[in-house]
Amino acid sequence: MSRIIHVFDLDGGRLTNRRAFHTCQPPAPTDGFRVDVDGNLWCGWSMTGGFDGVRILNPSDAPIGHIHLPERCGNLTSGKRFRNRLLMAASKWLYGLHVNTRGATVAQPKRGGRAARPFPRTPHPMTALPSRR
């Protein structure tokens, strides 16, 4: 069974124009997602050894990269001050990698004529990654 990733337009705080973006064919379904400032979609990829890790898709749905991990990646997020550290929660380990882009933020809608600003960044509870020996 294939899984479909849908995208939407944001219109005044409402999601509109639902459309299919990417169809994940077995045996390589996606899990957690993250979008960067360039509109690339970073997907936790899992289920088979050859696909375990993070797949990066550009806004045209073309794969532009893959970060191979030795286990499934169930979720991911960007962290650190400039949102340029990719944190990947896998089956047994938490992996971290500095990347050459930044994670996108969500802007709050305008209120009372004030300009929109990003939601405040919350510190990540993990301050250190486990070392592998």
N, C-alpha and C. Protein backbone atom coordinates (compact mmCIF):
# COMPACT_ATOMS: atom_id res chain seq x y z
N MET A 1 0.85 -1.18 0.00
CA MET A 1 0.00 0.00 0.00
C MET A 1 0.89 1.24 0.00
N SER A 2 0.67 2.14 -0.92
CA SER A 2 1.47 3.35 -0.99
C SER A 2 0.88 4.43 -0.08
N ARG A 3 1.76 5.32 0.37
CA ARG A 3 1.35 6.45 1.19
C ARG A 3 1.59 7.72 0.39
N ILE A 4 0.70 8.68 0.52
CA ILE A 4 0.78 9.92 -0.25
C ILE A 4 1.03 11.09 0.69
N ILE A 5 2.02 11.92 0.35
CA ILE A 5 2.28 13.15 1.08
C ILE A 5 1.54 14.25 0.34
N HIS A 6 0.67 14.96 1.04
CA HIS A 6 -0.10 16.05 0.44
C HIS A 6 0.48 17.39 0.86
N VAL A 7 0.32 18.39 0.00
CA VAL A 7 0.71 19.77 0.31
C VAL A 7 -0.51 20.66 0.16
N PHE A 8 -0.48 21.80 0.85
CA PHE A 8 -1.59 22.74 0.85
C PHE A 8 -1.04 24.15 0.68
N ASP A 9 -1.89 25.07 0.26
CA ASP A 9 -1.59 26.48 0.29
C ASP A 9 -2.17 27.04 1.58
N LEU A 10 -1.53 28.05 2.14
CA LEU A 10 -2.01 28.70 3.35
C LEU A 10 -2.63 30.02 2.93
N ASP A 11 -3.93 30.16 3.17
CA ASP A 11 -4.67 31.33 2.74
C ASP A 11 -5.38 31.95 3.95
N GLY A 12 -4.78 33.01 4.50
CA GLY A 12 -5.40 33.68 5.65
C GLY A 12 -5.60 32.78 6.85
N GLY A 13 -4.68 31.89 7.09
CA GLY A 13 -4.78 30.99 8.24
C GLY A 13 -5.55 29.70 7.94
N ARG A 14 -6.04 29.54 6.71
CA ARG A 14 -6.77 28.34 6.31
C ARG A 14 -5.97 27.55 5.29
N LEU A 15 -6.03 26.24 5.37
CA LEU A 15 -5.38 25.39 4.38
C LEU A 15 -6.31 25.22 3.19
N THR A 16 -5.79 25.49 2.00
CA THR A 16 -6.58 25.35 0.78
C THR A 16 -5.76 24.63 -0.28
N ASN A 17 -6.40 24.25 -1.36
CA ASN A 17 -5.74 23.68 -2.54
C ASN A 17 -4.93 22.43 -2.20
N ARG A 18 -5.57 21.44 -1.59
CA ARG A 18 -4.89 20.18 -1.27
C ARG A 18 -4.52 19.46 -2.56
N ARG A 19 -3.26 18.99 -2.60
CA ARG A 19 -2.82 18.24 -3.77
C ARG A 19 -1.74 17.25 -3.36
N ALA A 20 -1.60 16.20 -4.13
CA ALA A 20 -0.58 15.18 -3.87
C ALA A 20 0.78 15.73 -4.23
N PHE A 21 1.76 15.49 -3.37
CA PHE A 21 3.13 15.95 -3.62
C PHE A 21 4.05 14.77 -3.94
N HIS A 22 3.99 13.73 -3.11
CA HIS A 22 4.90 12.59 -3.29
C HIS A 22 4.18 11.31 -2.90
N THR A 23 4.34 10.30 -3.72
CA THR A 23 3.78 8.98 -3.42
C THR A 23 4.92 8.07 -3.00
N CYS A 24 4.84 7.56 -1.79
CA CYS A 24 5.86 6.67 -1.25
C CYS A 24 5.48 5.24 -1.61
N GLN A 25 6.32 4.59 -2.36
CA GLN A 25 6.05 3.22 -2.77
C GLN A 25 6.71 2.25 -1.80
N PRO A 26 6.02 1.18 -1.43
CA PRO A 26 6.66 0.17 -0.58
C PRO A 26 7.89 -0.38 -1.28
N PRO A 27 8.91 -0.72 -0.59
CA PRO A 27 9.01 -0.85 0.85
C PRO A 27 9.68 0.35 1.52
N ALA A 28 9.51 1.55 1.01
CA ALA A 28 10.22 2.70 1.57
C ALA A 28 9.26 3.81 1.98
N PRO A 29 8.44 3.59 3.03
CA PRO A 29 7.54 4.66 3.46
C PRO A 29 8.28 5.73 4.26
N THR A 30 7.69 6.90 4.31
CA THR A 30 8.27 7.98 5.10
C THR A 30 7.65 8.00 6.49
N ASP A 31 8.27 8.78 7.37
CA ASP A 31 7.74 8.91 8.72
C ASP A 31 7.68 10.39 9.06
N GLY A 32 8.58 10.90 9.92
CA GLY A 32 8.55 12.31 10.30
C GLY A 32 9.00 13.22 9.17
N PHE A 33 8.57 14.49 9.21
CA PHE A 33 8.91 15.45 8.16
C PHE A 33 9.46 16.73 8.75
N ARG A 34 10.21 17.45 7.93
CA ARG A 34 10.69 18.79 8.27
C ARG A 34 10.93 19.53 6.96
N VAL A 35 10.63 20.82 6.92
CA VAL A 35 10.83 21.64 5.72
C VAL A 35 11.93 22.65 6.03
N ASP A 36 12.81 22.89 5.03
CA ASP A 36 13.85 23.90 5.23
C ASP A 36 13.44 25.21 4.56
N VAL A 37 14.28 26.24 4.71
CA VAL A 37 13.94 27.57 4.20
C VAL A 37 13.89 27.63 2.68
N ASP A 38 14.43 26.64 1.99
CA ASP A 38 14.39 26.58 0.53
C ASP A 38 13.20 25.79 0.02
N GLY A 39 12.36 25.29 0.92
CA GLY A 39 11.18 24.52 0.52
C GLY A 39 11.44 23.05 0.30
N ASN A 40 12.63 22.57 0.65
CA ASN A 40 12.93 21.15 0.53
C ASN A 40 12.28 20.38 1.67
N LEU A 41 11.80 19.19 1.38
CA LEU A 41 11.15 18.35 2.38
C LEU A 41 12.13 17.28 2.83
N TRP A 42 12.41 17.24 4.13
CA TRP A 42 13.30 16.25 4.74
C TRP A 42 12.40 15.20 5.37
N CYS A 43 12.52 13.95 4.95
CA CYS A 43 11.62 12.87 5.38
C CYS A 43 12.40 11.77 6.09
N GLY A 44 11.91 11.37 7.27
CA GLY A 44 12.44 10.17 7.90
C GLY A 44 12.06 8.99 7.02
N TRP A 45 13.03 8.18 6.62
CA TRP A 45 12.81 7.11 5.66
C TRP A 45 13.14 5.81 6.34
N SER A 46 12.31 4.79 6.17
CA SER A 46 12.55 3.56 6.92
C SER A 46 11.94 2.35 6.26
N MET A 47 12.12 1.25 6.90
CA MET A 47 11.55 -0.05 6.61
C MET A 47 12.52 -1.02 5.95
N THR A 48 13.47 -0.57 5.17
CA THR A 48 14.43 -1.49 4.57
C THR A 48 15.83 -0.94 4.78
N GLY A 49 16.80 -1.81 4.90
CA GLY A 49 18.17 -1.39 5.16
C GLY A 49 18.73 -0.43 4.16
N GLY A 50 18.38 -0.56 2.89
CA GLY A 50 18.90 0.33 1.87
C GLY A 50 18.32 1.73 1.91
N PHE A 51 17.21 1.90 2.60
CA PHE A 51 16.55 3.20 2.63
C PHE A 51 16.54 3.84 4.01
N ASP A 52 17.03 3.17 5.03
CA ASP A 52 16.99 3.75 6.37
C ASP A 52 17.77 5.06 6.40
N GLY A 53 17.16 6.08 7.00
CA GLY A 53 17.81 7.38 7.11
C GLY A 53 16.86 8.51 6.81
N VAL A 54 17.34 9.54 6.12
CA VAL A 54 16.56 10.74 5.80
C VAL A 54 16.68 11.01 4.30
N ARG A 55 15.55 11.11 3.62
CA ARG A 55 15.52 11.44 2.19
C ARG A 55 15.14 12.91 2.06
N ILE A 56 15.83 13.64 1.17
CA ILE A 56 15.54 15.05 0.94
C ILE A 56 14.93 15.19 -0.45
N LEU A 57 13.74 15.82 -0.51
CA LEU A 57 13.03 16.05 -1.77
C LEU A 57 12.95 17.54 -2.02
N ASN A 58 13.23 17.98 -3.25
CA ASN A 58 13.12 19.40 -3.55
C ASN A 58 11.65 19.77 -3.78
N PRO A 59 11.32 21.07 -3.95
CA PRO A 59 9.92 21.46 -4.13
C PRO A 59 9.24 20.86 -5.37
N SER A 60 10.04 20.31 -6.30
CA SER A 60 9.47 19.66 -7.48
C SER A 60 9.32 18.16 -7.29
N ASP A 61 9.54 17.66 -6.08
CA ASP A 61 9.42 16.25 -5.72
C ASP A 61 10.56 15.38 -6.23
N ALA A 62 11.67 15.98 -6.62
CA ALA A 62 12.82 15.19 -7.05
C ALA A 62 13.73 14.94 -5.85
N PRO A 63 14.20 13.69 -5.66
CA PRO A 63 15.13 13.43 -4.56
C PRO A 63 16.47 14.12 -4.83
N ILE A 64 16.95 14.89 -3.85
CA ILE A 64 18.23 15.60 -4.02
C ILE A 64 19.28 15.13 -3.03
N GLY A 65 18.92 14.21 -2.15
CA GLY A 65 19.90 13.70 -1.20
C GLY A 65 19.32 12.63 -0.30
N HIS A 66 20.21 11.89 0.33
CA HIS A 66 19.80 10.86 1.30
C HIS A 66 20.90 10.74 2.35
N ILE A 67 20.51 10.79 3.60
CA ILE A 67 21.44 10.59 4.71
C ILE A 67 21.22 9.17 5.19
N HIS A 68 22.20 8.32 4.99
CA HIS A 68 22.06 6.91 5.38
C HIS A 68 22.31 6.75 6.87
N LEU A 69 21.44 6.01 7.53
CA LEU A 69 21.59 5.66 8.94
C LEU A 69 21.54 4.15 9.07
N PRO A 70 22.11 3.58 10.12
CA PRO A 70 22.08 2.13 10.28
C PRO A 70 20.76 1.61 10.84
N GLU A 71 19.78 2.50 11.03
CA GLU A 71 18.49 2.10 11.58
C GLU A 71 17.41 3.06 11.10
N ARG A 72 16.16 2.71 11.40
CA ARG A 72 15.02 3.52 10.98
C ARG A 72 15.07 4.91 11.61
N CYS A 73 14.64 5.91 10.87
CA CYS A 73 14.53 7.27 11.39
C CYS A 73 13.05 7.61 11.50
N GLY A 74 12.55 7.67 12.73
CA GLY A 74 11.13 7.89 12.95
C GLY A 74 10.72 9.35 12.98
N ASN A 75 11.64 10.25 13.36
CA ASN A 75 11.28 11.66 13.44
C ASN A 75 12.54 12.50 13.31
N LEU A 76 12.36 13.76 12.92
CA LEU A 76 13.50 14.65 12.78
C LEU A 76 13.06 16.09 12.99
N THR A 77 14.02 16.92 13.33
CA THR A 77 13.75 18.35 13.52
C THR A 77 15.05 19.11 13.33
N SER A 78 14.95 20.42 13.21
CA SER A 78 16.15 21.24 13.14
C SER A 78 16.35 21.90 14.50
N GLY A 79 17.60 22.08 14.86
CA GLY A 79 17.88 22.63 16.17
C GLY A 79 19.04 23.60 16.14
N LYS A 80 19.46 24.01 17.31
CA LYS A 80 20.51 24.99 17.54
C LYS A 80 20.00 26.38 17.20
N ARG A 81 20.83 27.37 17.46
CA ARG A 81 20.43 28.77 17.32
C ARG A 81 19.98 29.12 15.90
N PHE A 82 20.68 28.63 14.89
CA PHE A 82 20.37 28.99 13.51
C PHE A 82 19.57 27.91 12.78
N ARG A 83 19.06 26.93 13.51
CA ARG A 83 18.26 25.82 12.97
C ARG A 83 19.01 25.08 11.86
N ASN A 84 20.32 24.95 12.02
CA ASN A 84 21.12 24.28 11.00
C ASN A 84 21.69 22.94 11.48
N ARG A 85 21.19 22.44 12.57
CA ARG A 85 21.59 21.11 13.05
C ARG A 85 20.39 20.19 12.89
N LEU A 86 20.53 19.19 12.06
CA LEU A 86 19.46 18.22 11.86
C LEU A 86 19.55 17.18 12.96
N LEU A 87 18.49 17.02 13.71
CA LEU A 87 18.42 16.02 14.78
C LEU A 87 17.49 14.91 14.31
N MET A 88 17.99 13.68 14.30
CA MET A 88 17.26 12.54 13.77
C MET A 88 17.04 11.51 14.87
N ALA A 89 15.78 11.30 15.22
CA ALA A 89 15.43 10.30 16.24
C ALA A 89 15.23 8.97 15.54
N ALA A 90 16.14 8.04 15.79
CA ALA A 90 16.07 6.73 15.15
C ALA A 90 15.58 5.69 16.17
N SER A 91 15.63 4.44 15.80
CA SER A 91 15.10 3.37 16.65
C SER A 91 15.80 3.29 18.00
N LYS A 92 17.14 3.42 18.01
CA LYS A 92 17.88 3.27 19.26
C LYS A 92 18.73 4.48 19.62
N TRP A 93 19.02 5.34 18.65
CA TRP A 93 19.94 6.45 18.87
C TRP A 93 19.33 7.76 18.40
N LEU A 94 19.89 8.85 18.91
CA LEU A 94 19.58 10.19 18.42
C LEU A 94 20.82 10.68 17.69
N TYR A 95 20.67 10.98 16.40
CA TYR A 95 21.79 11.41 15.58
C TYR A 95 21.69 12.91 15.33
N GLY A 96 22.83 13.57 15.21
CA GLY A 96 22.87 14.99 14.91
C GLY A 96 23.86 15.27 13.79
N LEU A 97 23.50 16.22 12.91
CA LEU A 97 24.35 16.53 11.78
C LEU A 97 24.16 17.99 11.41
N HIS A 98 25.25 18.75 11.29
CA HIS A 98 25.14 20.12 10.80
C HIS A 98 24.90 20.09 9.30
N VAL A 99 23.95 20.89 8.83
CA VAL A 99 23.60 20.94 7.40
C VAL A 99 23.76 22.36 6.87
N ASN A 100 23.83 22.51 5.55
CA ASN A 100 24.05 23.82 4.93
C ASN A 100 22.75 24.53 4.59
N THR A 101 21.75 24.38 5.43
CA THR A 101 20.48 25.08 5.28
C THR A 101 19.90 25.28 6.66
N ARG A 102 18.75 25.91 6.74
CA ARG A 102 18.10 26.13 8.03
C ARG A 102 16.68 25.60 7.97
N GLY A 103 16.19 25.10 9.09
CA GLY A 103 14.81 24.66 9.15
C GLY A 103 13.87 25.85 9.09
N ALA A 104 12.75 25.67 8.39
CA ALA A 104 11.77 26.74 8.26
C ALA A 104 11.00 26.91 9.56
N THR A 105 10.52 28.13 9.79
CA THR A 105 9.68 28.41 10.95
C THR A 105 8.29 28.82 10.47
N VAL A 106 7.35 28.79 11.37
CA VAL A 106 5.98 29.19 11.06
C VAL A 106 5.77 30.61 11.57
N ALA A 107 5.24 31.47 10.73
CA ALA A 107 4.99 32.86 11.13
C ALA A 107 3.59 32.97 11.72
N GLN A 108 3.45 33.81 12.75
CA GLN A 108 2.14 34.08 13.33
C GLN A 108 1.39 35.04 12.41
N PRO A 109 0.07 34.95 12.36
CA PRO A 109 -0.68 35.90 11.55
C PRO A 109 -0.56 37.31 12.12
N LYS A 110 -0.75 38.33 11.27
CA LYS A 110 -0.68 39.72 11.72
C LYS A 110 -1.83 40.01 12.68
N ARG A 111 -1.51 40.78 13.71
CA ARG A 111 -2.52 41.16 14.70
C ARG A 111 -2.39 42.65 14.97
N GLY A 112 -3.45 43.37 14.81
CA GLY A 112 -3.44 44.79 15.11
C GLY A 112 -2.43 45.58 14.30
N GLY A 113 -2.18 45.16 13.06
CA GLY A 113 -1.26 45.90 12.21
C GLY A 113 0.20 45.61 12.45
N ARG A 114 0.53 44.75 13.43
CA ARG A 114 1.93 44.41 13.69
C ARG A 114 2.39 43.37 12.68
N ALA A 115 3.66 43.43 12.34
CA ALA A 115 4.21 42.47 11.39
C ALA A 115 4.23 41.07 11.99
N ALA A 116 4.09 40.08 11.13
CA ALA A 116 4.17 38.69 11.58
C ALA A 116 5.59 38.38 12.02
N ARG A 117 5.72 37.54 13.04
CA ARG A 117 7.03 37.12 13.51
C ARG A 117 6.99 35.64 13.78
N PRO A 118 8.13 34.96 13.74
CA PRO A 118 8.13 33.52 13.98
C PRO A 118 7.74 33.20 15.42
N PHE A 119 7.20 32.01 15.62
CA PHE A 119 6.93 31.56 16.97
C PHE A 119 8.23 31.53 17.74
N PRO A 120 8.19 31.77 19.05
CA PRO A 120 9.44 31.72 19.81
C PRO A 120 10.04 30.32 19.74
N ARG A 121 11.34 30.27 19.62
CA ARG A 121 12.04 28.98 19.55
C ARG A 121 12.15 28.40 20.95
N THR A 122 11.77 27.17 21.10
CA THR A 122 11.90 26.51 22.39
C THR A 122 13.20 25.71 22.40
N PRO A 123 13.94 25.74 23.49
CA PRO A 123 15.19 24.98 23.52
C PRO A 123 14.92 23.49 23.47
N HIS A 124 15.78 22.78 22.79
CA HIS A 124 15.64 21.33 22.68
C HIS A 124 16.08 20.71 23.99
N PRO A 125 15.33 19.73 24.52
CA PRO A 125 15.70 19.15 25.83
C PRO A 125 16.99 18.36 25.81
N MET A 126 17.42 17.92 24.62
CA MET A 126 18.67 17.15 24.53
C MET A 126 19.83 18.13 24.34
N THR A 127 20.78 18.11 25.24
CA THR A 127 21.92 19.01 25.09
C THR A 127 23.15 18.28 24.57
N ALA A 128 23.17 16.98 24.64
CA ALA A 128 24.30 16.21 24.15
C ALA A 128 23.80 14.94 23.48
N LEU A 129 24.50 14.51 22.47
CA LEU A 129 24.16 13.27 21.79
C LEU A 129 24.99 12.15 22.36
N PRO A 130 24.46 10.92 22.39
CA PRO A 130 25.25 9.81 22.92
C PRO A 130 26.45 9.54 22.01
N SER A 131 27.54 9.18 22.63
CA SER A 131 28.73 8.83 21.85
C SER A 131 28.70 7.35 21.56
N ARG A 132 29.13 6.98 20.37
CA ARG A 132 29.18 5.57 19.99
C ARG A 132 30.59 5.08 20.20
N ARG A 133 30.74 4.01 20.92
CA ARG A 133 32.07 3.43 21.17
C ARG A 133 32.13 2.02 20.67
